[in-house]
């Protein structure tokens, strides 16, 4: 019963809430317009700053993608999978697992 109700809300939310790119473009335009009122800025320097920053973020995004890819591949190796399995058996319950993470025994 709850699943059917939540499914109706999900469909409604998918129809009403726009994609993330709409928020990104909207906020870009809003910040650009606000930036025009900052002393010492002009439209060309703001566009150049946006363009330069975009390529810096692209570099960071590529690094994070490689990090996820390589750590996932490493975790699939039999030796590392065995070690991770032994570490995962140390906490005996969810609560003890959460406490181990909070105490810093297993840094996330």
PDB file of N, CA and C in Angstrom:
ATOM      1  N   UNK A   1       0.822  -1.190   0.000  1.00  0.00           N
ATOM      2  CA  UNK A   1       0.000   0.000   0.000  1.00  0.00           C
ATOM      3  C   UNK A   1       0.872   1.263   0.000  1.00  0.00           C
ATOM      4  N   UNK A   2       1.858   1.294   0.897  1.00  0.00           N
ATOM      5  CA  UNK A   2       2.741   2.467   0.950  1.00  0.00           C
ATOM      6  C   UNK A   2       3.545   2.619  -0.328  1.00  0.00           C
ATOM      7  N   UNK A   3       3.912   1.482  -0.947  1.00  0.00           N
ATOM      8  CA  UNK A   3       4.689   1.536  -2.170  1.00  0.00           C
ATOM      9  C   UNK A   3       3.884   2.195  -3.277  1.00  0.00           C
ATOM     10  N   UNK A   4       2.590   1.871  -3.383  1.00  0.00           N
ATOM     11  CA  UNK A   4       1.732   2.457  -4.409  1.00  0.00           C
ATOM     12  C   UNK A   4       1.578   3.962  -4.199  1.00  0.00           C
ATOM     13  N   UNK A   5       1.422   4.359  -2.939  1.00  0.00           N
ATOM     14  CA  UNK A   5       1.291   5.788  -2.632  1.00  0.00           C
ATOM     15  C   UNK A   5       2.586   6.513  -2.973  1.00  0.00           C
ATOM     16  N   UNK A   6       3.732   5.936  -2.584  1.00  0.00           N
ATOM     17  CA  UNK A   6       5.015   6.596  -2.867  1.00  0.00           C
ATOM     18  C   UNK A   6       5.286   6.649  -4.367  1.00  0.00           C
ATOM     19  N   UNK A   7       4.822   5.663  -5.113  1.00  0.00           N
ATOM     20  CA  UNK A   7       5.008   5.652  -6.567  1.00  0.00           C
ATOM     21  C   UNK A   7       4.263   6.819  -7.206  1.00  0.00           C
ATOM     22  N   UNK A   8       3.068   7.140  -6.697  1.00  0.00           N
ATOM     23  CA  UNK A   8       2.303   8.270  -7.223  1.00  0.00           C
ATOM     24  C   UNK A   8       3.033   9.586  -6.956  1.00  0.00           C
ATOM     25  N   UNK A   9       3.620   9.721  -5.763  1.00  0.00           N
ATOM     26  CA  UNK A   9       4.388  10.926  -5.455  1.00  0.00           C
ATOM     27  C   UNK A   9       5.631  11.015  -6.322  1.00  0.00           C
ATOM     28  N   UNK A  10       6.251   9.884  -6.592  1.00  0.00           N
ATOM     29  CA  UNK A  10       7.450   9.877  -7.424  1.00  0.00           C
ATOM     30  C   UNK A  10       7.131  10.357  -8.834  1.00  0.00           C
ATOM     31  N   UNK A  11       6.048   9.858  -9.403  1.00  0.00           N
ATOM     32  CA  UNK A  11       5.648  10.267 -10.753  1.00  0.00           C
ATOM     33  C   UNK A  11       5.346  11.759 -10.769  1.00  0.00           C
ATOM     34  N   UNK A  12       4.664  12.252  -9.745  1.00  0.00           N
ATOM     35  CA  UNK A  12       4.359  13.681  -9.664  1.00  0.00           C
ATOM     36  C   UNK A  12       5.631  14.504  -9.549  1.00  0.00           C
ATOM     37  N   UNK A  13       6.552  14.055  -8.742  1.00  0.00           N
ATOM     38  CA  UNK A  13       7.807  14.789  -8.559  1.00  0.00           C
ATOM     39  C   UNK A  13       8.623  14.806  -9.841  1.00  0.00           C
ATOM     40  N   UNK A  14       8.617  13.690 -10.572  1.00  0.00           N
ATOM     41  CA  UNK A  14       9.359  13.647 -11.830  1.00  0.00           C
ATOM     42  C   UNK A  14       8.777  14.598 -12.865  1.00  0.00           C
ATOM     43  N   UNK A  15       7.479  14.815 -12.802  1.00  0.00           N
ATOM     44  CA  UNK A  15       6.845  15.738 -13.747  1.00  0.00           C
ATOM     45  C   UNK A  15       7.069  17.199 -13.350  1.00  0.00           C
ATOM     46  N   UNK A  16       7.101  17.482 -12.049  1.00  0.00           N
ATOM     47  CA  UNK A  16       7.154  18.864 -11.588  1.00  0.00           C
ATOM     48  C   UNK A  16       8.573  19.394 -11.390  1.00  0.00           C
ATOM     49  N   UNK A  17       9.484  18.577 -10.901  1.00  0.00           N
ATOM     50  CA  UNK A  17      10.834  19.042 -10.589  1.00  0.00           C
ATOM     51  C   UNK A  17      11.707  18.946 -11.833  1.00  0.00           C
ATOM     52  N   UNK A  18      12.284  20.038 -12.267  1.00  0.00           N
ATOM     53  CA  UNK A  18      13.112  19.992 -13.481  1.00  0.00           C
ATOM     54  C   UNK A  18      14.442  19.281 -13.231  1.00  0.00           C
ATOM     55  N   UNK A  19      15.130  18.970 -14.318  1.00  0.00           N
ATOM     56  CA  UNK A  19      16.430  18.317 -14.224  1.00  0.00           C
ATOM     57  C   UNK A  19      17.457  19.258 -13.616  1.00  0.00           C
ATOM     58  N   UNK A  20      18.563  18.694 -13.186  1.00  0.00           N
ATOM     59  CA  UNK A  20      19.621  19.483 -12.549  1.00  0.00           C
ATOM     60  C   UNK A  20      20.218  20.505 -13.504  1.00  0.00           C
ATOM     61  N   UNK A  21      20.243  20.213 -14.797  1.00  0.00           N
ATOM     62  CA  UNK A  21      20.829  21.154 -15.751  1.00  0.00           C
ATOM     63  C   UNK A  21      20.038  22.455 -15.800  1.00  0.00           C
ATOM     64  N   UNK A  22      18.734  22.383 -15.555  1.00  0.00           N
ATOM     65  CA  UNK A  22      17.913  23.598 -15.539  1.00  0.00           C
ATOM     66  C   UNK A  22      18.323  24.485 -14.365  1.00  0.00           C
ATOM     67  N   UNK A  23      18.534  23.871 -13.187  1.00  0.00           N
ATOM     68  CA  UNK A  23      18.997  24.640 -12.035  1.00  0.00           C
ATOM     69  C   UNK A  23      20.381  25.222 -12.296  1.00  0.00           C
ATOM     70  N   UNK A  24      21.249  24.442 -12.899  1.00  0.00           N
ATOM     71  CA  UNK A  24      22.615  24.891 -13.179  1.00  0.00           C
ATOM     72  C   UNK A  24      22.608  26.100 -14.112  1.00  0.00           C
ATOM     73  N   UNK A  25      21.871  26.002 -15.194  1.00  0.00           N
ATOM     74  CA  UNK A  25      21.816  27.117 -16.141  1.00  0.00           C
ATOM     75  C   UNK A  25      21.129  28.332 -15.531  1.00  0.00           C
ATOM     76  N   UNK A  26      20.051  28.104 -14.776  1.00  0.00           N
ATOM     77  CA  UNK A  26      19.356  29.215 -14.129  1.00  0.00           C
ATOM     78  C   UNK A  26      20.247  29.946 -13.128  1.00  0.00           C
ATOM     79  N   UNK A  27      20.953  29.185 -12.302  1.00  0.00           N
ATOM     80  CA  UNK A  27      21.854  29.813 -11.332  1.00  0.00           C
ATOM     81  C   UNK A  27      23.014  30.518 -12.027  1.00  0.00           C
ATOM     82  N   UNK A  28      23.482  29.989 -13.149  1.00  0.00           N
ATOM     83  CA  UNK A  28      24.550  30.639 -13.898  1.00  0.00           C
ATOM     84  C   UNK A  28      24.090  32.009 -14.378  1.00  0.00           C
ATOM     85  N   UNK A  29      22.876  32.079 -14.899  1.00  0.00           N
ATOM     86  CA  UNK A  29      22.352  33.355 -15.384  1.00  0.00           C
ATOM     87  C   UNK A  29      22.150  34.327 -14.227  1.00  0.00           C
ATOM     88  N   UNK A  30      21.611  33.852 -13.118  1.00  0.00           N
ATOM     89  CA  UNK A  30      21.385  34.719 -11.955  1.00  0.00           C
ATOM     90  C   UNK A  30      22.712  35.276 -11.429  1.00  0.00           C
ATOM     91  N   UNK A  31      23.708  34.420 -11.286  1.00  0.00           N
ATOM     92  CA  UNK A  31      25.011  34.875 -10.782  1.00  0.00           C
ATOM     93  C   UNK A  31      25.666  35.837 -11.759  1.00  0.00           C
ATOM     94  N   UNK A  32      25.507  35.585 -13.048  1.00  0.00           N
ATOM     95  CA  UNK A  32      26.075  36.480 -14.063  1.00  0.00           C
ATOM     96  C   UNK A  32      25.457  37.871 -13.943  1.00  0.00           C
ATOM     97  N   UNK A  33      24.142  37.924 -13.793  1.00  0.00           N
ATOM     98  CA  UNK A  33      23.460  39.217 -13.679  1.00  0.00           C
ATOM     99  C   UNK A  33      23.872  39.921 -12.392  1.00  0.00           C
ATOM    100  N   UNK A  34      23.956  39.193 -11.284  1.00  0.00           N
ATOM    101  CA  UNK A  34      24.406  39.800 -10.031  1.00  0.00           C
ATOM    102  C   UNK A  34      25.845  40.288 -10.160  1.00  0.00           C
ATOM    103  N   UNK A  35      26.680  39.511 -10.844  1.00  0.00           N
ATOM    104  CA  UNK A  35      28.079  39.879 -11.023  1.00  0.00           C
ATOM    105  C   UNK A  35      28.276  41.134 -11.841  1.00  0.00           C
ATOM    106  N   UNK A  36      27.320  41.478 -12.680  1.00  0.00           N
ATOM    107  CA  UNK A  36      27.442  42.702 -13.471  1.00  0.00           C
ATOM    108  C   UNK A  36      27.405  43.951 -12.594  1.00  0.00           C
ATOM    109  N   UNK A  37      26.829  43.834 -11.399  1.00  0.00           N
ATOM    110  CA  UNK A  37      26.741  44.985 -10.500  1.00  0.00           C
ATOM    111  C   UNK A  37      27.930  45.089  -9.553  1.00  0.00           C
ATOM    112  N   UNK A  38      28.865  44.143  -9.621  1.00  0.00           N
ATOM    113  CA  UNK A  38      30.051  44.183  -8.774  1.00  0.00           C
ATOM    114  C   UNK A  38      31.041  45.167  -9.403  1.00  0.00           C
ATOM    115  N   UNK A  39      31.560  46.108  -8.610  1.00  0.00           N
ATOM    116  CA  UNK A  39      32.510  47.072  -9.169  1.00  0.00           C
ATOM    117  C   UNK A  39      33.769  46.369  -9.696  1.00  0.00           C
ATOM    118  N   UNK A  40      34.214  46.804 -10.861  1.00  0.00           N
ATOM    119  CA  UNK A  40      35.434  46.270 -11.442  1.00  0.00           C
ATOM    120  C   UNK A  40      35.218  45.069 -12.346  1.00  0.00           C
ATOM    121  N   UNK A  41      33.980  44.668 -12.536  1.00  0.00           N
ATOM    122  CA  UNK A  41      33.726  43.526 -13.426  1.00  0.00           C
ATOM    123  C   UNK A  41      32.983  44.005 -14.662  1.00  0.00           C
ATOM    124  N   UNK A  42      33.257  43.352 -15.757  1.00  0.00           N
ATOM    125  CA  UNK A  42      32.517  43.642 -16.979  1.00  0.00           C
ATOM    126  C   UNK A  42      32.100  42.315 -17.608  1.00  0.00           C
ATOM    127  N   UNK A  43      31.201  42.347 -18.567  1.00  0.00           N
ATOM    128  CA  UNK A  43      30.678  41.096 -19.128  1.00  0.00           C
ATOM    129  C   UNK A  43      31.750  40.183 -19.719  1.00  0.00           C
ATOM    130  N   UNK A  44      32.751  40.743 -20.366  1.00  0.00           N
ATOM    131  CA  UNK A  44      33.773  39.919 -21.017  1.00  0.00           C
ATOM    132  C   UNK A  44      34.650  39.214 -19.986  1.00  0.00           C
ATOM    133  N   UNK A  45      35.078  39.916 -18.933  1.00  0.00           N
ATOM    134  CA  UNK A  45      35.911  39.263 -17.913  1.00  0.00           C
ATOM    135  C   UNK A  45      35.125  38.188 -17.166  1.00  0.00           C
ATOM    136  N   UNK A  46      33.823  38.411 -16.990  1.00  0.00           N
ATOM    137  CA  UNK A  46      33.014  37.398 -16.313  1.00  0.00           C
ATOM    138  C   UNK A  46      32.875  36.143 -17.169  1.00  0.00           C
ATOM    139  N   UNK A  47      32.693  36.307 -18.468  1.00  0.00           N
ATOM    140  CA  UNK A  47      32.591  35.143 -19.350  1.00  0.00           C
ATOM    141  C   UNK A  47      33.929  34.407 -19.403  1.00  0.00           C
ATOM    142  N   UNK A  48      35.022  35.158 -19.476  1.00  0.00           N
ATOM    143  CA  UNK A  48      36.340  34.521 -19.472  1.00  0.00           C
ATOM    144  C   UNK A  48      36.595  33.771 -18.172  1.00  0.00           C
ATOM    145  N   UNK A  49      36.205  34.331 -17.045  1.00  0.00           N
ATOM    146  CA  UNK A  49      36.364  33.663 -15.757  1.00  0.00           C
ATOM    147  C   UNK A  49      35.534  32.397 -15.679  1.00  0.00           C
ATOM    148  N   UNK A  50      34.310  32.445 -16.193  1.00  0.00           N
ATOM    149  CA  UNK A  50      33.452  31.254 -16.217  1.00  0.00           C
ATOM    150  C   UNK A  50      34.064  30.171 -17.083  1.00  0.00           C
ATOM    151  N   UNK A  51      34.571  30.563 -18.245  1.00  0.00           N
ATOM    152  CA  UNK A  51      35.154  29.605 -19.174  1.00  0.00           C
ATOM    153  C   UNK A  51      36.394  28.945 -18.572  1.00  0.00           C
ATOM    154  N   UNK A  52      37.280  29.745 -17.971  1.00  0.00           N
ATOM    155  CA  UNK A  52      38.492  29.191 -17.358  1.00  0.00           C
ATOM    156  C   UNK A  52      38.148  28.276 -16.183  1.00  0.00           C
ATOM    157  N   UNK A  53      37.182  28.666 -15.380  1.00  0.00           N
ATOM    158  CA  UNK A  53      36.786  27.855 -14.228  1.00  0.00           C
ATOM    159  C   UNK A  53      36.138  26.556 -14.660  1.00  0.00           C
ATOM    160  N   UNK A  54      35.406  26.585 -15.770  1.00  0.00           N
ATOM    161  CA  UNK A  54      34.749  25.380 -16.256  1.00  0.00           C
ATOM    162  C   UNK A  54      35.779  24.306 -16.585  1.00  0.00           C
ATOM    163  N   UNK A  55      36.876  24.685 -17.216  1.00  0.00           N
ATOM    164  CA  UNK A  55      37.895  23.693 -17.571  1.00  0.00           C
ATOM    165  C   UNK A  55      38.615  23.192 -16.334  1.00  0.00           C
ATOM    166  N   UNK A  56      38.755  24.018 -15.317  1.00  0.00           N
ATOM    167  CA  UNK A  56      39.330  23.559 -14.056  1.00  0.00           C
ATOM    168  C   UNK A  56      38.434  22.521 -13.379  1.00  0.00           C
ATOM    169  N   UNK A  57      37.126  22.739 -13.420  1.00  0.00           N
ATOM    170  CA  UNK A  57      36.181  21.782 -12.846  1.00  0.00           C
ATOM    171  C   UNK A  57      36.152  20.484 -13.644  1.00  0.00           C
ATOM    172  N   UNK A  58      36.338  20.591 -14.955  1.00  0.00           N
ATOM    173  CA  UNK A  58      36.367  19.394 -15.791  1.00  0.00           C
ATOM    174  C   UNK A  58      37.556  18.517 -15.425  1.00  0.00           C
ATOM    175  N   UNK A  59      38.671  19.137 -15.142  1.00  0.00           N
ATOM    176  CA  UNK A  59      39.859  18.402 -14.715  1.00  0.00           C
ATOM    177  C   UNK A  59      39.590  17.670 -13.403  1.00  0.00           C
ATOM    178  N   UNK A  60      38.972  18.356 -12.453  1.00  0.00           N
ATOM    179  CA  UNK A  60      38.644  17.745 -11.167  1.00  0.00           C
ATOM    180  C   UNK A  60      37.662  16.590 -11.337  1.00  0.00           C
ATOM    181  N   UNK A  61      36.652  16.774 -12.184  1.00  0.00           N
ATOM    182  CA  UNK A  61      35.660  15.725 -12.420  1.00  0.00           C
ATOM    183  C   UNK A  61      36.318  14.485 -13.037  1.00  0.00           C
ATOM    184  N   UNK A  62      37.265  14.695 -13.923  1.00  0.00           N
ATOM    185  CA  UNK A  62      37.981  13.574 -14.531  1.00  0.00           C
ATOM    186  C   UNK A  62      38.799  12.832 -13.477  1.00  0.00           C
ATOM    187  N   UNK A  63      39.456  13.559 -12.595  1.00  0.00           N
ATOM    188  CA  UNK A  63      40.236  12.933 -11.528  1.00  0.00           C
ATOM    189  C   UNK A  63      39.341  12.104 -10.612  1.00  0.00           C
ATOM    190  N   UNK A  64      38.174  12.627 -10.250  1.00  0.00           N
ATOM    191  CA  UNK A  64      37.264  11.890  -9.377  1.00  0.00           C
ATOM    192  C   UNK A  64      36.716  10.647 -10.078  1.00  0.00           C
ATOM    193  N   UNK A  65      36.448  10.756 -11.377  1.00  0.00           N
ATOM    194  CA  UNK A  65      35.976   9.589 -12.129  1.00  0.00           C
ATOM    195  C   UNK A  65      37.033   8.492 -12.150  1.00  0.00           C
ATOM    196  N   UNK A  66      38.283   8.880 -12.354  1.00  0.00           N
ATOM    197  CA  UNK A  66      39.368   7.897 -12.346  1.00  0.00           C
ATOM    198  C   UNK A  66      39.540   7.283 -10.963  1.00  0.00           C
ATOM    199  N   UNK A  67      39.364   8.085  -9.917  1.00  0.00           N
ATOM    200  CA  UNK A  67      39.460   7.574  -8.559  1.00  0.00           C
ATOM    201  C   UNK A  67      38.418   6.488  -8.315  1.00  0.00           C
ATOM    202  N   UNK A  68      37.173   6.748  -8.717  1.00  0.00           N
ATOM    203  CA  UNK A  68      36.105   5.758  -8.548  1.00  0.00           C
ATOM    204  C   UNK A  68      36.396   4.514  -9.372  1.00  0.00           C
ATOM    205  N   UNK A  69      36.836   4.695 -10.586  1.00  0.00           N
ATOM    206  CA  UNK A  69      37.128   3.565 -11.476  1.00  0.00           C
ATOM    207  C   UNK A  69      38.240   2.686 -10.917  1.00  0.00           C
ATOM    208  N   UNK A  70      39.346   3.297 -10.505  1.00  0.00           N
ATOM    209  CA  UNK A  70      40.493   2.522 -10.031  1.00  0.00           C
ATOM    210  C   UNK A  70      40.238   1.864  -8.682  1.00  0.00           C
ATOM    211  N   UNK A  71      39.544   2.557  -7.778  1.00  0.00           N
ATOM    212  CA  UNK A  71      39.260   1.924  -6.487  1.00  0.00           C
ATOM    213  C   UNK A  71      38.270   0.779  -6.643  1.00  0.00           C
ATOM    214  N   UNK A  72      37.328   0.925  -7.559  1.00  0.00           N
ATOM    215  CA  UNK A  72      36.394  -0.167  -7.821  1.00  0.00           C
ATOM    216  C   UNK A  72      37.123  -1.365  -8.417  1.00  0.00           C
ATOM    217  N   UNK A  73      38.026  -1.104  -9.343  1.00  0.00           N
ATOM    218  CA  UNK A  73      38.800  -2.195  -9.941  1.00  0.00           C
ATOM    219  C   UNK A  73      39.699  -2.856  -8.901  1.00  0.00           C
ATOM    220  N   UNK A  74      40.288  -2.065  -8.021  1.00  0.00           N
ATOM    221  CA  UNK A  74      41.155  -2.633  -6.990  1.00  0.00           C
ATOM    222  C   UNK A  74      40.347  -3.480  -6.013  1.00  0.00           C
ATOM    223  N   UNK A  75      39.146  -3.044  -5.677  1.00  0.00           N
ATOM    224  CA  UNK A  75      38.312  -3.794  -4.730  1.00  0.00           C
ATOM    225  C   UNK A  75      37.861  -5.132  -5.310  1.00  0.00           C
ATOM    226  N   UNK A  76      37.883  -5.272  -6.627  1.00  0.00           N
ATOM    227  CA  UNK A  76      37.489  -6.525  -7.263  1.00  0.00           C
ATOM    228  C   UNK A  76      38.634  -7.541  -7.296  1.00  0.00           C
ATOM    229  N   UNK A  77      39.850  -7.120  -6.997  1.00  0.00           N
ATOM    230  CA  UNK A  77      40.983  -8.042  -6.981  1.00  0.00           C
ATOM    231  C   UNK A  77      40.792  -9.044  -5.841  1.00  0.00           C
ATOM    232  N   UNK A  78      41.108 -10.312  -6.075  1.00  0.00           N
ATOM    233  CA  UNK A  78      40.853 -11.344  -5.057  1.00  0.00           C
ATOM    234  C   UNK A  78      41.548 -11.070  -3.718  1.00  0.00           C
ATOM    235  N   UNK A  79      42.779 -10.598  -3.730  1.00  0.00           N
ATOM    236  CA  UNK A  79      43.505 -10.353  -2.486  1.00  0.00           C
ATOM    237  C   UNK A  79      42.849  -9.233  -1.683  1.00  0.00           C
ATOM    238  N   UNK A  80      42.491  -8.162  -2.352  1.00  0.00           N
ATOM    239  CA  UNK A  80      41.877  -7.027  -1.653  1.00  0.00           C
ATOM    240  C   UNK A  80      40.466  -7.388  -1.207  1.00  0.00           C
ATOM    241  N   UNK A  81      39.740  -8.135  -2.032  1.00  0.00           N
ATOM    242  CA  UNK A  81      38.394  -8.565  -1.654  1.00  0.00           C
ATOM    243  C   UNK A  81      38.441  -9.413  -0.384  1.00  0.00           C
ATOM    244  N   UNK A  82      39.469 -10.252  -0.254  1.00  0.00           N
ATOM    245  CA  UNK A  82      39.621 -11.096   0.931  1.00  0.00           C
ATOM    246  C   UNK A  82      39.868 -10.238   2.175  1.00  0.00           C
ATOM    247  N   UNK A  83      40.742  -9.248   2.052  1.00  0.00           N
ATOM    248  CA  UNK A  83      41.041  -8.356   3.191  1.00  0.00           C
ATOM    249  C   UNK A  83      39.792  -7.556   3.572  1.00  0.00           C
ATOM    250  N   UNK A  84      39.076  -7.023   2.564  1.00  0.00           N
ATOM    251  CA  UNK A  84      37.867  -6.254   2.848  1.00  0.00           C
ATOM    252  C   UNK A  84      36.800  -7.117   3.511  1.00  0.00           C
ATOM    253  N   UNK A  85      36.723  -8.386   3.106  1.00  0.00           N
ATOM    254  CA  UNK A  85      35.777  -9.305   3.744  1.00  0.00           C
ATOM    255  C   UNK A  85      36.095  -9.529   5.209  1.00  0.00           C
ATOM    256  N   UNK A  86      37.393  -9.659   5.526  1.00  0.00           N
ATOM    257  CA  UNK A  86      37.794  -9.840   6.932  1.00  0.00           C
ATOM    258  C   UNK A  86      37.499  -8.584   7.746  1.00  0.00           C
ATOM    259  N   UNK A  87      37.747  -7.430   7.176  1.00  0.00           N
ATOM    260  CA  UNK A  87      37.469  -6.175   7.886  1.00  0.00           C
ATOM    261  C   UNK A  87      35.966  -6.028   8.117  1.00  0.00           C
ATOM    262  N   UNK A  88      35.163  -6.414   7.134  1.00  0.00           N
ATOM    263  CA  UNK A  88      33.711  -6.273   7.255  1.00  0.00           C
ATOM    264  C   UNK A  88      33.117  -7.191   8.311  1.00  0.00           C
ATOM    265  N   UNK A  89      33.823  -8.251   8.678  1.00  0.00           N
ATOM    266  CA  UNK A  89      33.314  -9.179   9.689  1.00  0.00           C
ATOM    267  C   UNK A  89      33.589  -8.718  11.118  1.00  0.00           C
ATOM    268  N   UNK A  90      34.387  -7.693  11.300  1.00  0.00           N
ATOM    269  CA  UNK A  90      34.733  -7.233  12.648  1.00  0.00           C
ATOM    270  C   UNK A  90      33.509  -6.705  13.391  1.00  0.00           C
ATOM    271  N   UNK A  91      32.745  -5.735  12.848  1.00  0.00           N
ATOM    272  CA  UNK A  91      31.534  -5.310  13.550  1.00  0.00           C
ATOM    273  C   UNK A  91      30.474  -6.407  13.477  1.00  0.00           C
ATOM    274  N   UNK A  92      29.781  -6.643  14.569  1.00  0.00           N
ATOM    275  CA  UNK A  92      28.796  -7.723  14.625  1.00  0.00           C
ATOM    276  C   UNK A  92      27.366  -7.241  14.396  1.00  0.00           C
ATOM    277  N   UNK A  93      27.139  -5.936  14.416  1.00  0.00           N
ATOM    278  CA  UNK A  93      25.802  -5.408  14.178  1.00  0.00           C
ATOM    279  C   UNK A  93      25.919  -4.064  13.464  1.00  0.00           C
ATOM    280  N   UNK A  94      24.779  -3.547  13.050  1.00  0.00           N
ATOM    281  CA  UNK A  94      24.788  -2.236  12.388  1.00  0.00           C
ATOM    282  C   UNK A  94      25.276  -1.147  13.333  1.00  0.00           C
ATOM    283  N   UNK A  95      24.819  -1.225  14.560  1.00  0.00           N
ATOM    284  CA  UNK A  95      25.193  -0.203  15.547  1.00  0.00           C
ATOM    285  C   UNK A  95      26.702  -0.227  15.786  1.00  0.00           C
ATOM    286  N   UNK A  96      27.276  -1.425  15.938  1.00  0.00           N
ATOM    287  CA  UNK A  96      28.718  -1.493  16.165  1.00  0.00           C
ATOM    288  C   UNK A  96      29.479  -1.026  14.927  1.00  0.00           C
ATOM    289  N   UNK A  97      28.937  -1.259  13.734  1.00  0.00           N
ATOM    290  CA  UNK A  97      29.569  -0.752  12.519  1.00  0.00           C
ATOM    291  C   UNK A  97      29.568   0.759  12.475  1.00  0.00           C
ATOM    292  N   UNK A  98      28.443   1.355  12.856  1.00  0.00           N
ATOM    293  CA  UNK A  98      28.352   2.815  12.885  1.00  0.00           C
ATOM    294  C   UNK A  98      29.298   3.383  13.931  1.00  0.00           C
ATOM    295  N   UNK A  99      29.365   2.738  15.095  1.00  0.00           N
ATOM    296  CA  UNK A  99      30.265   3.216  16.145  1.00  0.00           C
ATOM    297  C   UNK A  99      31.726   3.105  15.722  1.00  0.00           C
ATOM    298  N   UNK A 100      32.077   2.053  14.980  1.00  0.00           N
ATOM    299  CA  UNK A 100      33.456   1.918  14.489  1.00  0.00           C
ATOM    300  C   UNK A 100      33.804   3.039  13.526  1.00  0.00           C
ATOM    301  N   UNK A 101      32.857   3.405  12.677  1.00  0.00           N
ATOM    302  CA  UNK A 101      33.105   4.501  11.747  1.00  0.00           C
ATOM    303  C   UNK A 101      33.227   5.821  12.491  1.00  0.00           C
ATOM    304  N   UNK A 102      32.341   6.055  13.459  1.00  0.00           N
ATOM    305  CA  UNK A 102      32.384   7.288  14.237  1.00  0.00           C
ATOM    306  C   UNK A 102      33.679   7.370  15.034  1.00  0.00           C
ATOM    307  N   UNK A 103      34.118   6.237  15.610  1.00  0.00           N
ATOM    308  CA  UNK A 103      35.325   6.245  16.406  1.00  0.00           C
ATOM    309  C   UNK A 103      36.584   6.372  15.561  1.00  0.00           C
ATOM    310  N   UNK A 104      36.434   6.236  14.251  1.00  0.00           N
ATOM    311  CA  UNK A 104      37.579   6.396  13.368  1.00  0.00           C
ATOM    312  C   UNK A 104      38.365   5.113  13.157  1.00  0.00           C
ATOM    313  N   UNK A 105      37.807   3.994  13.561  1.00  0.00           N
ATOM    314  CA  UNK A 105      38.516   2.749  13.343  1.00  0.00           C
ATOM    315  C   UNK A 105      38.526   2.352  11.883  1.00  0.00           C
ATOM    316  N   UNK A 106      37.429   2.691  11.192  1.00  0.00           N
ATOM    317  CA  UNK A 106      37.338   2.433   9.764  1.00  0.00           C
ATOM    318  C   UNK A 106      37.039   3.759   9.068  1.00  0.00           C
ATOM    319  N   UNK A 107      38.046   4.513   8.683  1.00  0.00           N
ATOM    320  CA  UNK A 107      37.770   5.774   8.029  1.00  0.00           C
ATOM    321  C   UNK A 107      37.054   5.561   6.704  1.00  0.00           C
ATOM    322  N   UNK A 108      36.085   6.392   6.458  1.00  0.00           N
ATOM    323  CA  UNK A 108      35.286   6.261   5.229  1.00  0.00           C
ATOM    324  C   UNK A 108      35.981   7.005   4.119  1.00  0.00           C
TER     325      UNK A 108
END
